Amino acid sequence: MSIQFNVPDMTCGHCVSTITKAIQQAVPGANVTTDLPGHRVMVEGTSDLEVVRQAIADAGYEAQVG
């Protein structure tokens, strides 16, 4: 299962690293792929949208499913 989020405030490599680490801590084994120019985060390995969205929020970023 793959989940995709739009993260408008993800604007640099530090943001990518922070978000990736937060998701991987919340969902061990998740495969996280980012598209920095498109402000997109794709997560494979879980179908729990709320856990991933909350991990992104806890890292300080707003995320919309999409």
PDB file of N, CA and C in Angstrom:
ATOM      1  N   MET A   1       0.842  -1.180   0.000  1.00  0.00           N
ATOM      2  CA  MET A   1       0.000   0.000   0.000  1.00  0.00           C
ATOM      3  C   MET A   1       0.885   1.240   0.000  1.00  0.00           C
ATOM      4  N   SER A   2       0.493   2.216  -0.754  1.00  0.00           N
ATOM      5  CA  SER A   2       1.251   3.457  -0.857  1.00  0.00           C
ATOM      6  C   SER A   2       0.349   4.633  -0.488  1.00  0.00           C
ATOM      7  N   ILE A   3       0.891   5.548   0.288  1.00  0.00           N
ATOM      8  CA  ILE A   3       0.169   6.756   0.687  1.00  0.00           C
ATOM      9  C   ILE A   3       0.977   7.948   0.200  1.00  0.00           C
ATOM     10  N   GLN A   4       0.286   8.963  -0.301  1.00  0.00           N
ATOM     11  CA  GLN A   4       0.972  10.157  -0.780  1.00  0.00           C
ATOM     12  C   GLN A   4       0.434  11.382  -0.042  1.00  0.00           C
ATOM     13  N   PHE A   5       1.356  12.259   0.349  1.00  0.00           N
ATOM     14  CA  PHE A   5       0.990  13.484   1.052  1.00  0.00           C
ATOM     15  C   PHE A   5       1.589  14.684   0.337  1.00  0.00           C
ATOM     16  N   ASN A   6       0.878  15.788   0.394  1.00  0.00           N
ATOM     17  CA  ASN A   6       1.392  17.077  -0.042  1.00  0.00           C
ATOM     18  C   ASN A   6       1.853  17.799   1.228  1.00  0.00           C
ATOM     19  N   VAL A   7       3.118  18.227   1.242  1.00  0.00           N
ATOM     20  CA  VAL A   7       3.683  18.913   2.412  1.00  0.00           C
ATOM     21  C   VAL A   7       4.245  20.254   1.917  1.00  0.00           C
ATOM     22  N   PRO A   8       3.395  21.291   1.877  1.00  0.00           N
ATOM     23  CA  PRO A   8       3.801  22.574   1.291  1.00  0.00           C
ATOM     24  C   PRO A   8       5.036  23.204   1.935  1.00  0.00           C
ATOM     25  N   ASP A   9       5.239  22.983   3.234  1.00  0.00           N
ATOM     26  CA  ASP A   9       6.360  23.611   3.937  1.00  0.00           C
ATOM     27  C   ASP A   9       7.672  22.844   3.798  1.00  0.00           C
ATOM     28  N   MET A  10       7.678  21.742   3.082  1.00  0.00           N
ATOM     29  CA  MET A  10       8.911  20.976   2.860  1.00  0.00           C
ATOM     30  C   MET A  10       9.689  21.668   1.730  1.00  0.00           C
ATOM     31  N   THR A  11      10.718  22.430   2.125  1.00  0.00           N
ATOM     32  CA  THR A  11      11.391  23.281   1.148  1.00  0.00           C
ATOM     33  C   THR A  11      12.899  23.043   1.011  1.00  0.00           C
ATOM     34  N   CYS A  12      13.455  22.128   1.834  1.00  0.00           N
ATOM     35  CA  CYS A  12      14.906  21.943   1.767  1.00  0.00           C
ATOM     36  C   CYS A  12      15.280  20.520   2.187  1.00  0.00           C
ATOM     37  N   GLY A  13      16.541  20.214   2.065  1.00  0.00           N
ATOM     38  CA  GLY A  13      17.039  18.896   2.432  1.00  0.00           C
ATOM     39  C   GLY A  13      16.855  18.586   3.908  1.00  0.00           C
ATOM     40  N   HIS A  14      16.981  19.581   4.761  1.00  0.00           N
ATOM     41  CA  HIS A  14      16.762  19.379   6.194  1.00  0.00           C
ATOM     42  C   HIS A  14      15.315  18.955   6.450  1.00  0.00           C
ATOM     43  N   CYS A  15      14.381  19.594   5.763  1.00  0.00           N
ATOM     44  CA  CYS A  15      12.963  19.231   5.892  1.00  0.00           C
ATOM     45  C   CYS A  15      12.753  17.776   5.493  1.00  0.00           C
ATOM     46  N   VAL A  16      13.327  17.386   4.381  1.00  0.00           N
ATOM     47  CA  VAL A  16      13.202  16.006   3.888  1.00  0.00           C
ATOM     48  C   VAL A  16      13.724  15.028   4.930  1.00  0.00           C
ATOM     49  N   SER A  17      14.893  15.312   5.470  1.00  0.00           N
ATOM     50  CA  SER A  17      15.502  14.438   6.469  1.00  0.00           C
ATOM     51  C   SER A  17      14.640  14.337   7.721  1.00  0.00           C
ATOM     52  N   THR A  18      14.151  15.459   8.204  1.00  0.00           N
ATOM     53  CA  THR A  18      13.327  15.484   9.410  1.00  0.00           C
ATOM     54  C   THR A  18      12.042  14.691   9.217  1.00  0.00           C
ATOM     55  N   ILE A  19      11.378  14.904   8.103  1.00  0.00           N
ATOM     56  CA  ILE A  19      10.119  14.212   7.814  1.00  0.00           C
ATOM     57  C   ILE A  19      10.359  12.720   7.632  1.00  0.00           C
ATOM     58  N   THR A  20      11.392  12.360   6.895  1.00  0.00           N
ATOM     59  CA  THR A  20      11.708  10.947   6.657  1.00  0.00           C
ATOM     60  C   THR A  20      11.970  10.226   7.981  1.00  0.00           C
ATOM     61  N   LYS A  21      12.775  10.825   8.839  1.00  0.00           N
ATOM     62  CA  LYS A  21      13.084  10.205  10.137  1.00  0.00           C
ATOM     63  C   LYS A  21      11.838  10.064  10.994  1.00  0.00           C
ATOM     64  N   ALA A  22      10.984  11.077  11.003  1.00  0.00           N
ATOM     65  CA  ALA A  22       9.767  11.031  11.809  1.00  0.00           C
ATOM     66  C   ALA A  22       8.844   9.904  11.354  1.00  0.00           C
ATOM     67  N   ILE A  23       8.704   9.755  10.047  1.00  0.00           N
ATOM     68  CA  ILE A  23       7.839   8.691   9.516  1.00  0.00           C
ATOM     69  C   ILE A  23       8.430   7.325   9.834  1.00  0.00           C
ATOM     70  N   GLN A  24       9.725   7.173   9.633  1.00  0.00           N
ATOM     71  CA  GLN A  24      10.353   5.883   9.882  1.00  0.00           C
ATOM     72  C   GLN A  24      10.337   5.506  11.360  1.00  0.00           C
ATOM     73  N   GLN A  25      10.334   6.475  12.254  1.00  0.00           N
ATOM     74  CA  GLN A  25      10.198   6.173  13.683  1.00  0.00           C
ATOM     75  C   GLN A  25       8.776   5.730  14.002  1.00  0.00           C
ATOM     76  N   ALA A  26       7.788   6.355  13.367  1.00  0.00           N
ATOM     77  CA  ALA A  26       6.386   6.025  13.618  1.00  0.00           C
ATOM     78  C   ALA A  26       5.975   4.713  12.953  1.00  0.00           C
ATOM     79  N   VAL A  27       6.589   4.428  11.802  1.00  0.00           N
ATOM     80  CA  VAL A  27       6.257   3.227  11.038  1.00  0.00           C
ATOM     81  C   VAL A  27       7.568   2.539  10.655  1.00  0.00           C
ATOM     82  N   PRO A  28       8.126   1.759  11.574  1.00  0.00           N
ATOM     83  CA  PRO A  28       9.388   1.069  11.265  1.00  0.00           C
ATOM     84  C   PRO A  28       9.247   0.204  10.015  1.00  0.00           C
ATOM     85  N   GLY A  29      10.239   0.290   9.158  1.00  0.00           N
ATOM     86  CA  GLY A  29      10.228  -0.488   7.927  1.00  0.00           C
ATOM     87  C   GLY A  29       9.549   0.203   6.762  1.00  0.00           C
ATOM     88  N   ALA A  30       8.957   1.367   6.997  1.00  0.00           N
ATOM     89  CA  ALA A  30       8.300   2.096   5.909  1.00  0.00           C
ATOM     90  C   ALA A  30       9.340   2.596   4.914  1.00  0.00           C
ATOM     91  N   ASN A  31       8.978   2.569   3.651  1.00  0.00           N
ATOM     92  CA  ASN A  31       9.827   3.114   2.600  1.00  0.00           C
ATOM     93  C   ASN A  31       9.306   4.515   2.281  1.00  0.00           C
ATOM     94  N   VAL A  32      10.130   5.529   2.525  1.00  0.00           N
ATOM     95  CA  VAL A  32       9.725   6.924   2.337  1.00  0.00           C
ATOM     96  C   VAL A  32      10.468   7.492   1.135  1.00  0.00           C
ATOM     97  N   THR A  33       9.708   8.041   0.201  1.00  0.00           N
ATOM     98  CA  THR A  33      10.270   8.684  -0.983  1.00  0.00           C
ATOM     99  C   THR A  33       9.755  10.117  -1.015  1.00  0.00           C
ATOM    100  N   THR A  34      10.639  11.052  -1.331  1.00  0.00           N
ATOM    101  CA  THR A  34      10.213  12.449  -1.369  1.00  0.00           C
ATOM    102  C   THR A  34      10.455  13.058  -2.741  1.00  0.00           C
ATOM    103  N   ASP A  35       9.623  14.031  -3.069  1.00  0.00           N
ATOM    104  CA  ASP A  35       9.772  14.854  -4.265  1.00  0.00           C
ATOM    105  C   ASP A  35       9.807  16.290  -3.755  1.00  0.00           C
ATOM    106  N   LEU A  36      11.017  16.779  -3.488  1.00  0.00           N
ATOM    107  CA  LEU A  36      11.170  18.106  -2.894  1.00  0.00           C
ATOM    108  C   LEU A  36      10.556  19.212  -3.756  1.00  0.00           C
ATOM    109  N   PRO A  37      10.855  19.273  -5.072  1.00  0.00           N
ATOM    110  CA  PRO A  37      10.249  20.345  -5.877  1.00  0.00           C
ATOM    111  C   PRO A  37       8.717  20.285  -5.905  1.00  0.00           C
ATOM    112  N   GLY A  38       8.168  19.075  -5.837  1.00  0.00           N
ATOM    113  CA  GLY A  38       6.716  18.917  -5.858  1.00  0.00           C
ATOM    114  C   GLY A  38       6.079  18.923  -4.479  1.00  0.00           C
ATOM    115  N   HIS A  39       6.919  19.025  -3.433  1.00  0.00           N
ATOM    116  CA  HIS A  39       6.448  19.038  -2.043  1.00  0.00           C
ATOM    117  C   HIS A  39       5.625  17.789  -1.716  1.00  0.00           C
ATOM    118  N   ARG A  40       6.062  16.636  -2.221  1.00  0.00           N
ATOM    119  CA  ARG A  40       5.326  15.390  -2.026  1.00  0.00           C
ATOM    120  C   ARG A  40       6.150  14.390  -1.225  1.00  0.00           C
ATOM    121  N   VAL A  41       5.439  13.634  -0.395  1.00  0.00           N
ATOM    122  CA  VAL A  41       6.035  12.545   0.373  1.00  0.00           C
ATOM    123  C   VAL A  41       5.214  11.300   0.077  1.00  0.00           C
ATOM    124  N   MET A  42       5.869  10.234  -0.366  1.00  0.00           N
ATOM    125  CA  MET A  42       5.216   8.968  -0.635  1.00  0.00           C
ATOM    126  C   MET A  42       5.714   7.943   0.380  1.00  0.00           C
ATOM    127  N   VAL A  43       4.775   7.198   0.958  1.00  0.00           N
ATOM    128  CA  VAL A  43       5.114   6.227   1.989  1.00  0.00           C
ATOM    129  C   VAL A  43       4.557   4.871   1.588  1.00  0.00           C
ATOM    130  N   GLU A  44       5.419   3.869   1.538  1.00  0.00           N
ATOM    131  CA  GLU A  44       5.000   2.497   1.272  1.00  0.00           C
ATOM    132  C   GLU A  44       5.284   1.671   2.519  1.00  0.00           C
ATOM    133  N   GLY A  45       4.395   0.746   2.800  1.00  0.00           N
ATOM    134  CA  GLY A  45       4.605  -0.136   3.935  1.00  0.00           C
ATOM    135  C   GLY A  45       3.585   0.044   5.041  1.00  0.00           C
ATOM    136  N   THR A  46       2.613   0.932   4.825  1.00  0.00           N
ATOM    137  CA  THR A  46       1.532   1.115   5.793  1.00  0.00           C
ATOM    138  C   THR A  46       0.306   1.649   5.058  1.00  0.00           C
ATOM    139  N   SER A  47      -0.844   1.382   5.634  1.00  0.00           N
ATOM    140  CA  SER A  47      -2.076   1.950   5.094  1.00  0.00           C
ATOM    141  C   SER A  47      -2.724   2.890   6.111  1.00  0.00           C
ATOM    142  N   ASP A  48      -2.015   3.160   7.211  1.00  0.00           N
ATOM    143  CA  ASP A  48      -2.562   3.998   8.275  1.00  0.00           C
ATOM    144  C   ASP A  48      -2.235   5.469   8.023  1.00  0.00           C
ATOM    145  N   LEU A  49      -3.145   6.136   7.342  1.00  0.00           N
ATOM    146  CA  LEU A  49      -2.947   7.542   6.987  1.00  0.00           C
ATOM    147  C   LEU A  49      -2.712   8.409   8.217  1.00  0.00           C
ATOM    148  N   GLU A  50      -3.489   8.185   9.256  1.00  0.00           N
ATOM    149  CA  GLU A  50      -3.422   9.069  10.419  1.00  0.00           C
ATOM    150  C   GLU A  50      -2.088   8.965  11.154  1.00  0.00           C
ATOM    151  N   VAL A  51      -1.521   7.769  11.238  1.00  0.00           N
ATOM    152  CA  VAL A  51      -0.229   7.606  11.907  1.00  0.00           C
ATOM    153  C   VAL A  51       0.849   8.391  11.154  1.00  0.00           C
ATOM    154  N   VAL A  52       0.849   8.296   9.832  1.00  0.00           N
ATOM    155  CA  VAL A  52       1.853   8.994   9.029  1.00  0.00           C
ATOM    156  C   VAL A  52       1.617  10.501   9.079  1.00  0.00           C
ATOM    157  N   ARG A  53       0.364  10.917   8.937  1.00  0.00           N
ATOM    158  CA  ARG A  53       0.062  12.350   8.983  1.00  0.00           C
ATOM    159  C   ARG A  53       0.481  12.935  10.327  1.00  0.00           C
ATOM    160  N   GLN A  54       0.213  12.204  11.406  1.00  0.00           N
ATOM    161  CA  GLN A  54       0.575  12.683  12.736  1.00  0.00           C
ATOM    162  C   GLN A  54       2.090  12.746  12.910  1.00  0.00           C
ATOM    163  N   ALA A  55       2.815  11.793  12.354  1.00  0.00           N
ATOM    164  CA  ALA A  55       4.281  11.822  12.428  1.00  0.00           C
ATOM    165  C   ALA A  55       4.828  13.061  11.724  1.00  0.00           C
ATOM    166  N   ILE A  56       4.252  13.388  10.574  1.00  0.00           N
ATOM    167  CA  ILE A  56       4.675  14.586   9.841  1.00  0.00           C
ATOM    168  C   ILE A  56       4.333  15.836  10.649  1.00  0.00           C
ATOM    169  N   ALA A  57       3.140  15.861  11.234  1.00  0.00           N
ATOM    170  CA  ALA A  57       2.724  17.008  12.056  1.00  0.00           C
ATOM    171  C   ALA A  57       3.621  17.157  13.281  1.00  0.00           C
ATOM    172  N   ASP A  58       3.959  16.032  13.917  1.00  0.00           N
ATOM    173  CA  ASP A  58       4.834  16.084  15.092  1.00  0.00           C
ATOM    174  C   ASP A  58       6.230  16.592  14.733  1.00  0.00           C
ATOM    175  N   ALA A  59       6.634  16.413  13.476  1.00  0.00           N
ATOM    176  CA  ALA A  59       7.920  16.930  13.015  1.00  0.00           C
ATOM    177  C   ALA A  59       7.845  18.417  12.689  1.00  0.00           C
ATOM    178  N   GLY A  60       6.619  18.983  12.725  1.00  0.00           N
ATOM    179  CA  GLY A  60       6.456  20.421  12.525  1.00  0.00           C
ATOM    180  C   GLY A  60       5.953  20.831  11.157  1.00  0.00           C
ATOM    181  N   TYR A  61       5.363  19.892  10.423  1.00  0.00           N
ATOM    182  CA  TYR A  61       4.910  20.182   9.056  1.00  0.00           C
ATOM    183  C   TYR A  61       3.449  19.801   8.892  1.00  0.00           C
ATOM    184  N   GLU A  62       2.745  20.589   8.105  1.00  0.00           N
ATOM    185  CA  GLU A  62       1.361  20.279   7.776  1.00  0.00           C
ATOM    186  C   GLU A  62       1.356  19.358   6.568  1.00  0.00           C
ATOM    187  N   ALA A  63       0.518  18.323   6.604  1.00  0.00           N
ATOM    188  CA  ALA A  63       0.448  17.376   5.496  1.00  0.00           C
ATOM    189  C   ALA A  63      -0.993  17.146   5.102  1.00  0.00           C
ATOM    190  N   GLN A  64      -1.226  17.156   3.801  1.00  0.00           N
ATOM    191  CA  GLN A  64      -2.541  16.846   3.275  1.00  0.00           C
ATOM    192  C   GLN A  64      -2.429  15.599   2.425  1.00  0.00           C
ATOM    193  N   VAL A  65      -3.373  14.688   2.598  1.00  0.00           N
ATOM    194  CA  VAL A  65      -3.383  13.477   1.774  1.00  0.00           C
ATOM    195  C   VAL A  65      -3.641  13.898   0.345  1.00  0.00           C
ATOM    196  N   GLY A  66      -2.901  13.301  -0.536  1.00  0.00           N
ATOM    197  CA  GLY A  66      -3.116  13.651  -1.938  1.00  0.00           C
ATOM    198  C   GLY A  66      -2.044  13.177  -2.740  1.00  0.00           C
TER     199      GLY A  66
END
